[in-house]
Amino acid sequence: MDKVVLAYSGGLDTSIIVKWLQDTYQCEVITFTADIGQGEEVEPARAKAKAAGVKQIFIEDLREEFARDFVFPMFR
């Protein structure tokens, strides 16, 4: 396994998993963070991933899709 994509929140669990994947599988870890409106938590997640040696960090703005596909239907 050369690369692993990790759904990354920047929290303790996923931050530990980054290092575990790197050490256990000697693979490149790529992180993906979905911004669904959590605001100021997104940029610290980027900084933590970078500090862990992650070279490819993807943060996708999914606020509109989340509201349209999940929040609004919940209220109906």
PDB file of N, CA and C in Angstrom:
ATOM      1  N   MET A   1       0.859  -1.165   0.000  1.00  0.00           N
ATOM      2  CA  MET A   1       0.000   0.000   0.000  1.00  0.00           C
ATOM      3  C   MET A   1       0.908   1.232   0.000  1.00  0.00           C
ATOM      4  N   ASP A   2       0.787   2.052  -1.031  1.00  0.00           N
ATOM      5  CA  ASP A   2       1.631   3.242  -1.155  1.00  0.00           C
ATOM      6  C   ASP A   2       0.998   4.488  -0.561  1.00  0.00           C
ATOM      7  N   LYS A   3      -0.331   4.615  -0.735  1.00  0.00           N
ATOM      8  CA  LYS A   3      -1.035   5.803  -0.280  1.00  0.00           C
ATOM      9  C   LYS A   3      -2.342   5.412   0.398  1.00  0.00           C
ATOM     10  N   VAL A   4      -2.717   6.232   1.388  1.00  0.00           N
ATOM     11  CA  VAL A   4      -3.985   6.043   2.085  1.00  0.00           C
ATOM     12  C   VAL A   4      -4.649   7.399   2.189  1.00  0.00           C
ATOM     13  N   VAL A   5      -5.949   7.452   1.891  1.00  0.00           N
ATOM     14  CA  VAL A   5      -6.719   8.680   2.091  1.00  0.00           C
ATOM     15  C   VAL A   5      -7.495   8.521   3.386  1.00  0.00           C
ATOM     16  N   LEU A   6      -7.332   9.486   4.267  1.00  0.00           N
ATOM     17  CA  LEU A   6      -7.954   9.436   5.587  1.00  0.00           C
ATOM     18  C   LEU A   6      -8.952  10.576   5.727  1.00  0.00           C
ATOM     19  N   ALA A   7     -10.192  10.238   6.091  1.00  0.00           N
ATOM     20  CA  ALA A   7     -11.179  11.267   6.446  1.00  0.00           C
ATOM     21  C   ALA A   7     -10.701  11.864   7.759  1.00  0.00           C
ATOM     22  N   TYR A   8     -10.280  13.114   7.723  1.00  0.00           N
ATOM     23  CA  TYR A   8      -9.529  13.720   8.815  1.00  0.00           C
ATOM     24  C   TYR A   8     -10.284  14.901   9.420  1.00  0.00           C
ATOM     25  N   SER A   9     -10.480  14.841  10.742  1.00  0.00           N
ATOM     26  CA  SER A   9     -11.172  15.931  11.436  1.00  0.00           C
ATOM     27  C   SER A   9     -10.209  16.882  12.129  1.00  0.00           C
ATOM     28  N   GLY A  10      -8.998  16.418  12.361  1.00  0.00           N
ATOM     29  CA  GLY A  10      -8.049  17.222  13.114  1.00  0.00           C
ATOM     30  C   GLY A  10      -8.106  16.945  14.604  1.00  0.00           C
ATOM     31  N   GLY A  11      -9.000  16.056  15.007  1.00  0.00           N
ATOM     32  CA  GLY A  11      -9.119  15.690  16.415  1.00  0.00           C
ATOM     33  C   GLY A  11      -8.037  14.696  16.829  1.00  0.00           C
ATOM     34  N   LEU A  12      -8.069  14.332  18.086  1.00  0.00           N
ATOM     35  CA  LEU A  12      -7.047  13.446  18.644  1.00  0.00           C
ATOM     36  C   LEU A  12      -7.012  12.099  17.919  1.00  0.00           C
ATOM     37  N   ASP A  13      -8.171  11.484  17.712  1.00  0.00           N
ATOM     38  CA  ASP A  13      -8.212  10.146  17.102  1.00  0.00           C
ATOM     39  C   ASP A  13      -7.602  10.136  15.701  1.00  0.00           C
ATOM     40  N   THR A  14      -8.067  11.026  14.836  1.00  0.00           N
ATOM     41  CA  THR A  14      -7.559  10.997  13.460  1.00  0.00           C
ATOM     42  C   THR A  14      -6.119  11.492  13.380  1.00  0.00           C
ATOM     43  N   SER A  15      -5.713  12.349  14.289  1.00  0.00           N
ATOM     44  CA  SER A  15      -4.319  12.795  14.305  1.00  0.00           C
ATOM     45  C   SER A  15      -3.388  11.650  14.687  1.00  0.00           C
ATOM     46  N   ILE A  16      -3.796  10.818  15.620  1.00  0.00           N
ATOM     47  CA  ILE A  16      -2.995   9.656  16.008  1.00  0.00           C
ATOM     48  C   ILE A  16      -2.968   8.629  14.878  1.00  0.00           C
ATOM     49  N   ILE A  17      -4.086   8.464  14.205  1.00  0.00           N
ATOM     50  CA  ILE A  17      -4.161   7.493  13.106  1.00  0.00           C
ATOM     51  C   ILE A  17      -3.201   7.863  11.978  1.00  0.00           C
ATOM     52  N   VAL A  18      -3.018   9.173  11.712  1.00  0.00           N
ATOM     53  CA  VAL A  18      -2.075   9.585  10.665  1.00  0.00           C
ATOM     54  C   VAL A  18      -0.701   8.992  10.947  1.00  0.00           C
ATOM     55  N   LYS A  19      -0.193   9.211  12.134  1.00  0.00           N
ATOM     56  CA  LYS A  19       1.139   8.718  12.499  1.00  0.00           C
ATOM     57  C   LYS A  19       1.176   7.183  12.498  1.00  0.00           C
ATOM     58  N   TRP A  20       0.116   6.552  12.983  1.00  0.00           N
ATOM     59  CA  TRP A  20       0.051   5.092  13.009  1.00  0.00           C
ATOM     60  C   TRP A  20       0.117   4.519  11.592  1.00  0.00           C
ATOM     61  N   LEU A  21      -0.633   5.110  10.671  1.00  0.00           N
ATOM     62  CA  LEU A  21      -0.603   4.651   9.277  1.00  0.00           C
ATOM     63  C   LEU A  21       0.788   4.825   8.677  1.00  0.00           C
ATOM     64  N   GLN A  22       1.404   5.976   8.937  1.00  0.00           N
ATOM     65  CA  GLN A  22       2.746   6.230   8.413  1.00  0.00           C
ATOM     66  C   GLN A  22       3.746   5.212   8.956  1.00  0.00           C
ATOM     67  N   ASP A  23       3.694   4.951  10.250  1.00  0.00           N
ATOM     68  CA  ASP A  23       4.649   4.043  10.882  1.00  0.00           C
ATOM     69  C   ASP A  23       4.370   2.574  10.564  1.00  0.00           C
ATOM     70  N   THR A  24       3.117   2.182  10.603  1.00  0.00           N
ATOM     71  CA  THR A  24       2.753   0.778  10.424  1.00  0.00           C
ATOM     72  C   THR A  24       2.868   0.328   8.969  1.00  0.00           C
ATOM     73  N   TYR A  25       2.426   1.172   8.040  1.00  0.00           N
ATOM     74  CA  TYR A  25       2.393   0.777   6.634  1.00  0.00           C
ATOM     75  C   TYR A  25       3.425   1.490   5.771  1.00  0.00           C
ATOM     76  N   GLN A  26       4.201   2.387   6.368  1.00  0.00           N
ATOM     77  CA  GLN A  26       5.188   3.172   5.613  1.00  0.00           C
ATOM     78  C   GLN A  26       4.580   3.742   4.328  1.00  0.00           C
ATOM     79  N   CYS A  27       3.408   4.314   4.472  1.00  0.00           N
ATOM     80  CA  CYS A  27       2.697   4.836   3.313  1.00  0.00           C
ATOM     81  C   CYS A  27       2.517   6.351   3.441  1.00  0.00           C
ATOM     82  N   GLU A  28       2.211   6.952   2.318  1.00  0.00           N
ATOM     83  CA  GLU A  28       1.884   8.367   2.299  1.00  0.00           C
ATOM     84  C   GLU A  28       0.422   8.514   2.716  1.00  0.00           C
ATOM     85  N   VAL A  29       0.156   9.391   3.661  1.00  0.00           N
ATOM     86  CA  VAL A  29      -1.212   9.640   4.109  1.00  0.00           C
ATOM     87  C   VAL A  29      -1.686  10.942   3.476  1.00  0.00           C
ATOM     88  N   ILE A  30      -2.838  10.876   2.853  1.00  0.00           N
ATOM     89  CA  ILE A  30      -3.501  12.034   2.267  1.00  0.00           C
ATOM     90  C   ILE A  30      -4.743  12.288   3.105  1.00  0.00           C
ATOM     91  N   THR A  31      -4.939  13.523   3.551  1.00  0.00           N
ATOM     92  CA  THR A  31      -6.109  13.794   4.390  1.00  0.00           C
ATOM     93  C   THR A  31      -7.187  14.514   3.595  1.00  0.00           C
ATOM     94  N   PHE A  32      -8.436  14.203   3.966  1.00  0.00           N
ATOM     95  CA  PHE A  32      -9.610  14.861   3.390  1.00  0.00           C
ATOM     96  C   PHE A  32     -10.488  15.329   4.542  1.00  0.00           C
ATOM     97  N   THR A  33     -10.766  16.620   4.552  1.00  0.00           N
ATOM     98  CA  THR A  33     -11.640  17.202   5.564  1.00  0.00           C
ATOM     99  C   THR A  33     -12.821  17.857   4.856  1.00  0.00           C
ATOM    100  N   ALA A  34     -14.021  17.509   5.259  1.00  0.00           N
ATOM    101  CA  ALA A  34     -15.232  18.105   4.701  1.00  0.00           C
ATOM    102  C   ALA A  34     -15.657  19.257   5.604  1.00  0.00           C
ATOM    103  N   ASP A  35     -15.701  20.465   5.038  1.00  0.00           N
ATOM    104  CA  ASP A  35     -16.192  21.627   5.773  1.00  0.00           C
ATOM    105  C   ASP A  35     -17.708  21.651   5.605  1.00  0.00           C
ATOM    106  N   ILE A  36     -18.417  21.287   6.675  1.00  0.00           N
ATOM    107  CA  ILE A  36     -19.879  21.288   6.635  1.00  0.00           C
ATOM    108  C   ILE A  36     -20.443  22.363   7.564  1.00  0.00           C
ATOM    109  N   GLY A  37     -19.598  23.341   7.838  1.00  0.00           N
ATOM    110  CA  GLY A  37     -20.046  24.471   8.639  1.00  0.00           C
ATOM    111  C   GLY A  37     -19.425  24.550  10.012  1.00  0.00           C
ATOM    112  N   GLN A  38     -18.367  23.805  10.261  1.00  0.00           N
ATOM    113  CA  GLN A  38     -17.765  23.825  11.584  1.00  0.00           C
ATOM    114  C   GLN A  38     -16.888  25.049  11.825  1.00  0.00           C
ATOM    115  N   GLY A  39     -16.773  25.916  10.832  1.00  0.00           N
ATOM    116  CA  GLY A  39     -16.122  27.207  11.018  1.00  0.00           C
ATOM    117  C   GLY A  39     -14.641  27.138  11.279  1.00  0.00           C
ATOM    118  N   GLU A  40     -14.228  27.684  12.415  1.00  0.00           N
ATOM    119  CA  GLU A  40     -12.806  27.841  12.694  1.00  0.00           C
ATOM    120  C   GLU A  40     -12.070  26.540  12.996  1.00  0.00           C
ATOM    121  N   GLU A  41     -12.710  25.408  12.960  1.00  0.00           N
ATOM    122  CA  GLU A  41     -12.033  24.131  13.201  1.00  0.00           C
ATOM    123  C   GLU A  41     -11.278  23.629  11.972  1.00  0.00           C
ATOM    124  N   VAL A  42     -11.569  24.171  10.803  1.00  0.00           N
ATOM    125  CA  VAL A  42     -11.001  23.651   9.567  1.00  0.00           C
ATOM    126  C   VAL A  42      -9.520  24.003   9.427  1.00  0.00           C
ATOM    127  N   GLU A  43      -9.148  25.233   9.649  1.00  0.00           N
ATOM    128  CA  GLU A  43      -7.749  25.627   9.481  1.00  0.00           C
ATOM    129  C   GLU A  43      -6.820  24.974  10.510  1.00  0.00           C
ATOM    130  N   PRO A  44      -7.222  24.826  11.778  1.00  0.00           N
ATOM    131  CA  PRO A  44      -6.364  24.070  12.699  1.00  0.00           C
ATOM    132  C   PRO A  44      -6.165  22.617  12.252  1.00  0.00           C
ATOM    133  N   ALA A  45      -7.171  22.030  11.606  1.00  0.00           N
ATOM    134  CA  ALA A  45      -7.028  20.669  11.085  1.00  0.00           C
ATOM    135  C   ALA A  45      -5.945  20.640  10.011  1.00  0.00           C
ATOM    136  N   ARG A  46      -5.931  21.647   9.163  1.00  0.00           N
ATOM    137  CA  ARG A  46      -4.895  21.731   8.123  1.00  0.00           C
ATOM    138  C   ARG A  46      -3.500  21.834   8.766  1.00  0.00           C
ATOM    139  N   ALA A  47      -3.383  22.672   9.786  1.00  0.00           N
ATOM    140  CA  ALA A  47      -2.098  22.864  10.462  1.00  0.00           C
ATOM    141  C   ALA A  47      -1.626  21.580  11.145  1.00  0.00           C
ATOM    142  N   LYS A  48      -2.543  20.848  11.767  1.00  0.00           N
ATOM    143  CA  LYS A  48      -2.174  19.598  12.442  1.00  0.00           C
ATOM    144  C   LYS A  48      -1.722  18.545  11.431  1.00  0.00           C
ATOM    145  N   ALA A  49      -2.417  18.465  10.310  1.00  0.00           N
ATOM    146  CA  ALA A  49      -2.029  17.497   9.282  1.00  0.00           C
ATOM    147  C   ALA A  49      -0.647  17.840   8.733  1.00  0.00           C
ATOM    148  N   LYS A  50      -0.421  19.109   8.486  1.00  0.00           N
ATOM    149  CA  LYS A  50       0.882  19.548   7.980  1.00  0.00           C
ATOM    150  C   LYS A  50       1.989  19.230   8.987  1.00  0.00           C
ATOM    151  N   ALA A  51       1.727  19.475  10.269  1.00  0.00           N
ATOM    152  CA  ALA A  51       2.706  19.192  11.320  1.00  0.00           C
ATOM    153  C   ALA A  51       3.010  17.697  11.425  1.00  0.00           C
ATOM    154  N   ALA A  52       2.050  16.860  11.030  1.00  0.00           N
ATOM    155  CA  ALA A  52       2.238  15.406  11.075  1.00  0.00           C
ATOM    156  C   ALA A  52       2.963  14.885   9.833  1.00  0.00           C
ATOM    157  N   GLY A  53       3.319  15.793   8.931  1.00  0.00           N
ATOM    158  CA  GLY A  53       4.058  15.385   7.747  1.00  0.00           C
ATOM    159  C   GLY A  53       3.203  15.052   6.545  1.00  0.00           C
ATOM    160  N   VAL A  54       1.931  15.388   6.602  1.00  0.00           N
ATOM    161  CA  VAL A  54       1.035  15.128   5.473  1.00  0.00           C
ATOM    162  C   VAL A  54       1.330  16.159   4.386  1.00  0.00           C
ATOM    163  N   LYS A  55       1.570  15.673   3.170  1.00  0.00           N
ATOM    164  CA  LYS A  55       1.920  16.570   2.075  1.00  0.00           C
ATOM    165  C   LYS A  55       0.717  16.962   1.213  1.00  0.00           C
ATOM    166  N   GLN A  56      -0.284  16.098   1.162  1.00  0.00           N
ATOM    167  CA  GLN A  56      -1.495  16.401   0.391  1.00  0.00           C
ATOM    168  C   GLN A  56      -2.665  16.495   1.354  1.00  0.00           C
ATOM    169  N   ILE A  57      -3.196  17.716   1.478  1.00  0.00           N
ATOM    170  CA  ILE A  57      -4.291  18.003   2.406  1.00  0.00           C
ATOM    171  C   ILE A  57      -5.432  18.588   1.594  1.00  0.00           C
ATOM    172  N   PHE A  58      -6.560  17.913   1.614  1.00  0.00           N
ATOM    173  CA  PHE A  58      -7.727  18.389   0.873  1.00  0.00           C
ATOM    174  C   PHE A  58      -8.800  18.807   1.857  1.00  0.00           C
ATOM    175  N   ILE A  59      -9.296  20.025   1.696  1.00  0.00           N
ATOM    176  CA  ILE A  59     -10.419  20.523   2.494  1.00  0.00           C
ATOM    177  C   ILE A  59     -11.459  21.003   1.502  1.00  0.00           C
ATOM    178  N   GLU A  60     -12.612  20.366   1.534  1.00  0.00           N
ATOM    179  CA  GLU A  60     -13.672  20.653   0.567  1.00  0.00           C
ATOM    180  C   GLU A  60     -14.829  21.362   1.262  1.00  0.00           C
ATOM    181  N   ASP A  61     -15.273  22.456   0.676  1.00  0.00           N
ATOM    182  CA  ASP A  61     -16.414  23.205   1.203  1.00  0.00           C
ATOM    183  C   ASP A  61     -17.701  22.500   0.760  1.00  0.00           C
ATOM    184  N   LEU A  62     -18.305  21.768   1.678  1.00  0.00           N
ATOM    185  CA  LEU A  62     -19.518  21.007   1.378  1.00  0.00           C
ATOM    186  C   LEU A  62     -20.727  21.541   2.137  1.00  0.00           C
ATOM    187  N   ARG A  63     -20.657  22.792   2.572  1.00  0.00           N
ATOM    188  CA  ARG A  63     -21.750  23.371   3.364  1.00  0.00           C
ATOM    189  C   ARG A  63     -23.074  23.394   2.605  1.00  0.00           C
ATOM    190  N   GLU A  64     -23.033  23.818   1.360  1.00  0.00           N
ATOM    191  CA  GLU A  64     -24.278  23.906   0.588  1.00  0.00           C
ATOM    192  C   GLU A  64     -24.896  22.527   0.380  1.00  0.00           C
ATOM    193  N   GLU A  65     -24.079  21.554  -0.011  1.00  0.00           N
ATOM    194  CA  GLU A  65     -24.581  20.201  -0.231  1.00  0.00           C
ATOM    195  C   GLU A  65     -25.118  19.589   1.061  1.00  0.00           C
ATOM    196  N   PHE A  66     -24.422  19.823   2.160  1.00  0.00           N
ATOM    197  CA  PHE A  66     -24.851  19.283   3.445  1.00  0.00           C
ATOM    198  C   PHE A  66     -26.215  19.846   3.846  1.00  0.00           C
ATOM    199  N   ALA A  67     -26.376  21.152   3.710  1.00  0.00           N
ATOM    200  CA  ALA A  67     -27.654  21.776   4.055  1.00  0.00           C
ATOM    201  C   ALA A  67     -28.767  21.286   3.128  1.00  0.00           C
ATOM    202  N   ARG A  68     -28.492  21.285   1.822  1.00  0.00           N
ATOM    203  CA  ARG A  68     -29.501  20.895   0.838  1.00  0.00           C
ATOM    204  C   ARG A  68     -29.890  19.424   0.955  1.00  0.00           C
ATOM    205  N   ASP A  69     -28.923  18.545   1.092  1.00  0.00           N
ATOM    206  CA  ASP A  69     -29.182  17.105   1.027  1.00  0.00           C
ATOM    207  C   ASP A  69     -29.509  16.458   2.372  1.00  0.00           C
ATOM    208  N   PHE A  70     -29.143  17.120   3.483  1.00  0.00           N
ATOM    209  CA  PHE A  70     -29.356  16.492   4.791  1.00  0.00           C
ATOM    210  C   PHE A  70     -30.149  17.351   5.769  1.00  0.00           C
ATOM    211  N   VAL A  71     -29.774  18.632   5.906  1.00  0.00           N
ATOM    212  CA  VAL A  71     -30.447  19.475   6.914  1.00  0.00           C
ATOM    213  C   VAL A  71     -31.875  19.791   6.490  1.00  0.00           C
ATOM    214  N   PHE A  72     -32.065  20.316   5.276  1.00  0.00           N
ATOM    215  CA  PHE A  72     -33.406  20.678   4.825  1.00  0.00           C
ATOM    216  C   PHE A  72     -34.346  19.472   4.794  1.00  0.00           C
ATOM    217  N   PRO A  73     -33.919  18.310   4.252  1.00  0.00           N
ATOM    218  CA  PRO A  73     -34.818  17.155   4.290  1.00  0.00           C
ATOM    219  C   PRO A  73     -35.180  16.716   5.693  1.00  0.00           C
ATOM    220  N   MET A  74     -34.288  16.916   6.640  1.00  0.00           N
ATOM    221  CA  MET A  74     -34.588  16.548   8.024  1.00  0.00           C
ATOM    222  C   MET A  74     -35.753  17.384   8.573  1.00  0.00           C
ATOM    223  N   PHE A  75     -35.814  18.645   8.167  1.00  0.00           N
ATOM    224  CA  PHE A  75     -36.897  19.512   8.641  1.00  0.00           C
ATOM    225  C   PHE A  75     -38.227  19.239   7.938  1.00  0.00           C
ATOM    226  N   ARG A  76     -38.204  18.609   6.781  1.00  0.00           N
ATOM    227  CA  ARG A  76     -39.441  18.294   6.073  1.00  0.00           C
ATOM    228  C   ARG A  76     -40.099  17.167   6.752  1.00  0.00           C
TER     229      ARG A  76
END
